[in-house]
C-alpha cells in the first residue's frame, strides 16, 4: 500500500510585507493634522464660501483614504477590502451629492440658465 503525501498548498502563510515605520505613522498624523487645520481655516474664510462644500468633501476624502490606508492597514491587505471601502465611499459621496443637488435644484438651474 502506498502512502500519499498530503499537499500543503492551502496551508501556506500569506505573503508578508513591510508595514510602515513609526516615523511614517507620525508623518501621516502630521499630514492629517494639517488637512484638518486647512478645513477649519476654509470654514472661516469668507472668500471660500462659494466652494466650501466641495473643498471640504475633497479634503475629507483625502483624510479618509489616508486613515483607511495606513491606520487600518488597508494598503497592505487584500485588494478586495480596498474595493469594499472604495465602493462604500463612492456610494456615500453619490448620496451626499444627489441630496445636495436636490436641495439646491432651483439655484442650480437658475445659475445654469443665466450662463446661456
N, C-alpha and C. Protein backbone atom coordinates (compact mmCIF):
# COMPACT_ATOMS: atom_id res chain seq x y z
N UNK A 1 0.85 -1.16 0.00
CA UNK A 1 0.00 0.00 0.00
C UNK A 1 0.90 1.23 0.00
N UNK A 2 0.63 2.15 -0.89
CA UNK A 2 1.47 3.35 -0.98
C UNK A 2 0.85 4.48 -0.17
N UNK A 3 1.72 5.27 0.39
CA UNK A 3 1.29 6.40 1.20
C UNK A 3 1.32 7.66 0.34
N UNK A 4 0.21 8.41 0.31
CA UNK A 4 0.12 9.63 -0.49
C UNK A 4 0.43 10.82 0.41
N UNK A 5 1.39 11.61 -0.01
CA UNK A 5 1.79 12.81 0.74
C UNK A 5 0.73 13.89 0.57
N UNK A 6 0.14 14.40 1.69
CA UNK A 6 -0.86 15.47 1.55
C UNK A 6 -0.19 16.77 1.10
N UNK A 7 -0.89 17.53 0.31
CA UNK A 7 -0.35 18.82 -0.13
C UNK A 7 -0.61 19.86 0.93
N UNK A 8 0.29 20.81 1.01
CA UNK A 8 0.15 21.89 2.00
C UNK A 8 -0.02 23.23 1.31
N UNK A 9 -0.39 23.23 0.03
CA UNK A 9 -0.52 24.48 -0.70
C UNK A 9 -1.57 25.39 -0.07
N UNK A 10 -2.64 24.82 0.42
CA UNK A 10 -3.70 25.63 1.02
C UNK A 10 -3.35 26.09 2.44
N UNK A 11 -2.31 25.56 3.02
CA UNK A 11 -1.92 25.91 4.39
C UNK A 11 -0.79 26.92 4.44
N UNK A 12 -0.30 27.36 3.30
CA UNK A 12 0.83 28.28 3.29
C UNK A 12 0.45 29.61 3.92
N UNK A 13 1.43 30.22 4.54
CA UNK A 13 1.24 31.53 5.16
C UNK A 13 1.06 32.58 4.08
N UNK A 14 0.22 33.59 4.34
CA UNK A 14 0.11 34.67 3.36
C UNK A 14 1.44 35.42 3.26
N UNK A 15 1.65 35.99 2.09
CA UNK A 15 2.90 36.71 1.84
C UNK A 15 3.04 37.89 2.80
N UNK A 16 4.16 37.97 3.46
CA UNK A 16 4.43 39.06 4.39
C UNK A 16 4.88 40.29 3.63
N UNK A 17 4.57 41.44 4.17
CA UNK A 17 5.01 42.69 3.57
C UNK A 17 5.39 43.65 4.69
N UNK A 18 6.22 44.57 4.36
CA UNK A 18 6.71 45.51 5.36
C UNK A 18 5.64 46.56 5.67
N UNK A 19 5.37 46.72 6.94
CA UNK A 19 4.45 47.77 7.37
C UNK A 19 5.24 49.05 7.60
N UNK A 20 4.55 50.18 7.58
CA UNK A 20 5.26 51.44 7.78
C UNK A 20 5.92 51.51 9.16
N UNK A 21 6.95 52.31 9.22
CA UNK A 21 7.64 52.51 10.49
C UNK A 21 6.86 53.50 11.35
N UNK A 22 7.29 53.63 12.57
CA UNK A 22 6.66 54.59 13.48
C UNK A 22 6.79 56.01 12.94
N UNK A 23 7.92 56.31 12.33
CA UNK A 23 8.13 57.64 11.76
C UNK A 23 7.13 57.93 10.65
N UNK A 24 6.78 56.92 9.86
CA UNK A 24 5.80 57.10 8.79
C UNK A 24 4.43 57.41 9.37
N UNK A 25 4.06 56.72 10.45
CA UNK A 25 2.78 56.99 11.09
C UNK A 25 2.73 58.40 11.66
N UNK A 26 3.82 58.86 12.21
CA UNK A 26 3.88 60.23 12.73
C UNK A 26 3.75 61.22 11.58
N UNK A 27 4.43 60.94 10.47
CA UNK A 27 4.35 61.81 9.29
C UNK A 27 2.90 61.88 8.79
N UNK A 28 2.22 60.77 8.74
CA UNK A 28 0.83 60.76 8.28
C UNK A 28 -0.07 61.50 9.26
N UNK A 29 0.18 61.34 10.55
CA UNK A 29 -0.60 62.08 11.56
C UNK A 29 -0.41 63.58 11.40
N UNK A 30 0.79 64.01 11.08
CA UNK A 30 1.05 65.44 10.86
C UNK A 30 0.30 65.93 9.62
N UNK A 31 0.33 65.13 8.55
CA UNK A 31 -0.39 65.49 7.32
C UNK A 31 -1.89 65.59 7.60
N UNK A 32 -2.43 64.64 8.36
CA UNK A 32 -3.85 64.68 8.70
C UNK A 32 -4.18 65.90 9.55
N UNK A 33 -3.29 66.29 10.43
CA UNK A 33 -3.50 67.49 11.24
C UNK A 33 -3.50 68.74 10.38
N UNK A 34 -2.60 68.80 9.41
CA UNK A 34 -2.54 69.95 8.50
C UNK A 34 -3.81 70.04 7.67
N UNK A 35 -4.29 68.91 7.19
CA UNK A 35 -5.53 68.91 6.41
C UNK A 35 -6.70 69.37 7.27
N UNK A 36 -6.74 68.92 8.53
CA UNK A 36 -7.80 69.35 9.44
C UNK A 36 -7.73 70.85 9.69
N UNK A 37 -6.53 71.39 9.89
CA UNK A 37 -6.38 72.84 10.06
C UNK A 37 -6.83 73.58 8.81
N UNK A 38 -6.54 73.04 7.64
CA UNK A 38 -6.99 73.66 6.39
C UNK A 38 -8.52 73.66 6.30
N UNK A 39 -9.14 72.58 6.73
CA UNK A 39 -10.60 72.51 6.72
C UNK A 39 -11.21 73.57 7.64
N UNK A 40 -10.66 73.69 8.83
CA UNK A 40 -11.16 74.70 9.77
C UNK A 40 -10.92 76.10 9.22
N UNK A 41 -9.74 76.33 8.66
CA UNK A 41 -9.43 77.63 8.08
C UNK A 41 -10.35 77.99 6.93
N UNK A 42 -10.64 77.01 6.06
CA UNK A 42 -11.54 77.26 4.93
C UNK A 42 -12.93 77.66 5.42
N UNK A 43 -13.36 77.07 6.51
CA UNK A 43 -14.69 77.36 7.03
C UNK A 43 -14.83 78.82 7.43
N UNK A 44 -13.77 79.39 7.99
CA UNK A 44 -13.83 80.76 8.49
C UNK A 44 -13.45 81.82 7.46
N UNK A 45 -12.93 81.44 6.31
CA UNK A 45 -12.58 82.40 5.26
C UNK A 45 -13.80 82.66 4.38
N UNK A 46 -14.24 83.92 4.35
CA UNK A 46 -15.44 84.24 3.58
C UNK A 46 -15.22 84.11 2.08
N UNK A 47 -14.02 84.26 1.62
CA UNK A 47 -13.76 84.19 0.18
C UNK A 47 -13.93 82.78 -0.38
N UNK A 48 -13.94 81.77 0.49
CA UNK A 48 -14.10 80.39 0.05
C UNK A 48 -15.52 79.86 0.24
N UNK A 49 -16.46 80.70 0.62
CA UNK A 49 -17.81 80.22 0.91
C UNK A 49 -18.49 79.61 -0.31
N UNK A 50 -18.16 80.06 -1.51
CA UNK A 50 -18.77 79.51 -2.71
C UNK A 50 -18.31 78.09 -3.03
N UNK A 51 -17.12 77.75 -2.63
CA UNK A 51 -16.57 76.41 -2.91
C UNK A 51 -16.30 75.63 -1.63
N UNK A 52 -16.89 76.07 -0.55
CA UNK A 52 -16.61 75.46 0.76
C UNK A 52 -16.98 73.98 0.79
N UNK A 53 -18.18 73.64 0.38
CA UNK A 53 -18.64 72.25 0.48
C UNK A 53 -17.80 71.32 -0.41
N UNK A 54 -17.59 71.65 -1.70
CA UNK A 54 -16.74 70.75 -2.50
C UNK A 54 -15.32 70.64 -1.95
N UNK A 55 -14.76 71.74 -1.46
CA UNK A 55 -13.40 71.70 -0.90
C UNK A 55 -13.35 70.80 0.33
N UNK A 56 -14.35 70.90 1.19
CA UNK A 56 -14.38 70.06 2.39
C UNK A 56 -14.58 68.59 2.02
N UNK A 57 -15.36 68.33 1.00
CA UNK A 57 -15.56 66.94 0.55
C UNK A 57 -14.24 66.36 0.06
N UNK A 58 -13.51 67.13 -0.74
CA UNK A 58 -12.23 66.65 -1.27
C UNK A 58 -11.24 66.41 -0.14
N UNK A 59 -11.12 67.37 0.78
CA UNK A 59 -10.18 67.21 1.89
C UNK A 59 -10.58 66.04 2.80
N UNK A 60 -11.86 65.87 3.04
CA UNK A 60 -12.31 64.75 3.87
C UNK A 60 -12.06 63.41 3.19
N UNK A 61 -12.21 63.37 1.88
CA UNK A 61 -11.94 62.13 1.14
C UNK A 61 -10.46 61.77 1.22
N UNK A 62 -9.61 62.77 1.11
CA UNK A 62 -8.16 62.54 1.24
C UNK A 62 -7.84 61.98 2.63
N UNK A 63 -8.44 62.56 3.65
CA UNK A 63 -8.22 62.06 5.01
C UNK A 63 -8.75 60.64 5.17
N UNK A 64 -9.91 60.35 4.60
CA UNK A 64 -10.48 59.01 4.66
C UNK A 64 -9.51 57.99 4.06
N UNK A 65 -8.99 58.31 2.87
CA UNK A 65 -8.07 57.39 2.19
C UNK A 65 -6.82 57.17 3.02
N UNK A 66 -6.28 58.21 3.61
CA UNK A 66 -5.06 58.07 4.41
C UNK A 66 -5.30 57.26 5.68
N UNK A 67 -6.40 57.54 6.35
CA UNK A 67 -6.69 56.81 7.60
C UNK A 67 -6.95 55.34 7.31
N UNK A 68 -7.78 55.07 6.32
CA UNK A 68 -8.10 53.69 5.99
C UNK A 68 -6.87 52.96 5.45
N UNK A 69 -6.10 53.65 4.63
CA UNK A 69 -4.95 53.01 4.01
C UNK A 69 -3.83 52.68 4.98
N UNK A 70 -3.56 53.57 5.89
CA UNK A 70 -2.42 53.36 6.78
C UNK A 70 -2.81 52.90 8.18
N UNK A 71 -3.70 53.61 8.85
CA UNK A 71 -4.01 53.26 10.23
C UNK A 71 -4.87 52.00 10.32
N UNK A 72 -5.64 51.71 9.28
CA UNK A 72 -6.40 50.46 9.26
C UNK A 72 -5.69 49.40 8.42
N UNK A 73 -4.49 49.71 7.95
CA UNK A 73 -3.62 48.79 7.21
C UNK A 73 -4.24 48.27 5.92
N UNK A 74 -5.21 48.98 5.37
CA UNK A 74 -5.87 48.52 4.15
C UNK A 74 -4.91 48.52 2.97
N UNK A 75 -3.95 49.41 2.99
CA UNK A 75 -2.99 49.49 1.89
C UNK A 75 -2.18 48.20 1.76
N UNK A 76 -2.09 47.47 2.85
CA UNK A 76 -1.25 46.27 2.88
C UNK A 76 -2.07 44.98 2.88
N UNK A 77 -3.40 45.09 2.85
CA UNK A 77 -4.27 43.91 2.89
C UNK A 77 -4.76 43.54 1.50
N UNK A 78 -5.63 42.59 1.47
CA UNK A 78 -6.21 42.08 0.22
C UNK A 78 -6.92 43.21 -0.53
N UNK A 79 -6.77 43.24 -1.84
CA UNK A 79 -7.35 44.30 -2.68
C UNK A 79 -8.88 44.28 -2.65
N UNK A 80 -9.47 43.14 -2.33
CA UNK A 80 -10.94 43.09 -2.25
C UNK A 80 -11.44 44.00 -1.14
N UNK A 81 -10.69 44.10 -0.05
CA UNK A 81 -11.09 45.01 1.03
C UNK A 81 -11.02 46.46 0.57
N UNK A 82 -10.05 46.77 -0.26
CA UNK A 82 -9.94 48.12 -0.80
C UNK A 82 -11.18 48.44 -1.63
N UNK A 83 -11.64 47.49 -2.43
CA UNK A 83 -12.84 47.71 -3.23
C UNK A 83 -14.07 47.89 -2.36
N UNK A 84 -14.14 47.18 -1.26
CA UNK A 84 -15.28 47.33 -0.35
C UNK A 84 -15.32 48.74 0.23
N UNK A 85 -14.18 49.22 0.73
CA UNK A 85 -14.12 50.56 1.31
C UNK A 85 -14.32 51.63 0.24
N UNK A 86 -13.73 51.44 -0.93
CA UNK A 86 -13.86 52.42 -2.01
C UNK A 86 -15.30 52.51 -2.50
N UNK A 87 -15.95 51.37 -2.63
CA UNK A 87 -17.35 51.40 -3.09
C UNK A 87 -18.25 52.03 -2.03
N UNK A 88 -17.97 51.79 -0.76
CA UNK A 88 -18.73 52.43 0.31
C UNK A 88 -18.55 53.94 0.29
N UNK A 89 -17.32 54.39 0.07
CA UNK A 89 -17.05 55.82 0.00
C UNK A 89 -17.71 56.43 -1.23
N UNK A 90 -17.65 55.75 -2.37
CA UNK A 90 -18.28 56.25 -3.59
C UNK A 90 -19.80 56.34 -3.42
N UNK A 91 -20.37 55.34 -2.78
CA UNK A 91 -21.82 55.35 -2.53
C UNK A 91 -22.20 56.52 -1.61
N UNK A 92 -21.44 56.72 -0.55
CA UNK A 92 -21.72 57.82 0.37
C UNK A 92 -21.61 59.17 -0.32
N UNK A 93 -20.56 59.35 -1.13
CA UNK A 93 -20.40 60.61 -1.86
C UNK A 93 -21.53 60.82 -2.86
N UNK A 94 -21.93 59.75 -3.54
CA UNK A 94 -23.02 59.86 -4.52
C UNK A 94 -24.32 60.27 -3.84
N UNK A 95 -24.63 59.67 -2.72
CA UNK A 95 -25.85 60.01 -2.00
C UNK A 95 -25.79 61.45 -1.50
N UNK A 96 -24.63 61.86 -0.98
CA UNK A 96 -24.50 63.24 -0.49
C UNK A 96 -24.67 64.24 -1.63
N UNK A 97 -24.00 64.00 -2.76
CA UNK A 97 -24.08 64.93 -3.88
C UNK A 97 -25.49 64.98 -4.45
N UNK A 98 -26.14 63.83 -4.54
CA UNK A 98 -27.52 63.80 -5.04
C UNK A 98 -28.46 64.55 -4.10
N UNK A 99 -28.29 64.38 -2.82
CA UNK A 99 -29.13 65.09 -1.84
C UNK A 99 -28.88 66.58 -1.93
N UNK A 100 -27.63 66.97 -2.03
CA UNK A 100 -27.28 68.38 -2.15
C UNK A 100 -27.91 68.98 -3.41
N UNK A 101 -27.82 68.25 -4.52
CA UNK A 101 -28.36 68.74 -5.78
C UNK A 101 -29.88 68.89 -5.70
N UNK A 102 -30.55 67.96 -5.02
CA UNK A 102 -32.00 68.08 -4.86
C UNK A 102 -32.38 69.28 -4.00
N UNK A 103 -31.60 69.54 -2.97
CA UNK A 103 -31.90 70.66 -2.07
C UNK A 103 -31.69 72.00 -2.77
N UNK A 104 -30.72 72.07 -3.66
CA UNK A 104 -30.40 73.33 -4.32
C UNK A 104 -30.74 73.30 -5.80
N UNK A 105 -31.70 72.48 -6.21
CA UNK A 105 -32.06 72.32 -7.62
C UNK A 105 -32.45 73.66 -8.26
N UNK A 106 -33.28 74.44 -7.57
CA UNK A 106 -33.73 75.72 -8.12
C UNK A 106 -32.55 76.67 -8.35
N UNK A 107 -31.65 76.75 -7.39
CA UNK A 107 -30.48 77.63 -7.54
C UNK A 107 -29.56 77.16 -8.65
N UNK A 108 -29.40 75.85 -8.77
CA UNK A 108 -28.52 75.30 -9.82
C UNK A 108 -29.10 75.57 -11.19
N UNK A 109 -30.38 75.32 -11.39
CA UNK A 109 -31.00 75.55 -12.71
C UNK A 109 -31.01 77.04 -13.05
N UNK A 110 -31.24 77.90 -12.06
CA UNK A 110 -31.21 79.36 -12.32
C UNK A 110 -29.79 79.79 -12.72
N UNK A 111 -28.79 79.27 -12.05
CA UNK A 111 -27.39 79.61 -12.37
C UNK A 111 -27.03 79.14 -13.78
N UNK A 112 -27.43 77.92 -14.12
CA UNK A 112 -27.12 77.38 -15.45
C UNK A 112 -27.87 78.15 -16.53
N UNK A 113 -29.13 78.51 -16.30
CA UNK A 113 -29.89 79.24 -17.31
C UNK A 113 -29.34 80.66 -17.51
N UNK A 114 -28.77 81.24 -16.47
CA UNK A 114 -28.16 82.57 -16.60
C UNK A 114 -26.82 82.51 -17.33
N UNK A 115 -26.20 81.33 -17.39
CA UNK A 115 -24.92 81.19 -18.08
C UNK A 115 -25.12 81.27 -19.59
N UNK A 116 -26.28 80.85 -20.09
CA UNK A 116 -26.52 80.79 -21.54
C UNK A 116 -27.43 81.86 -21.94
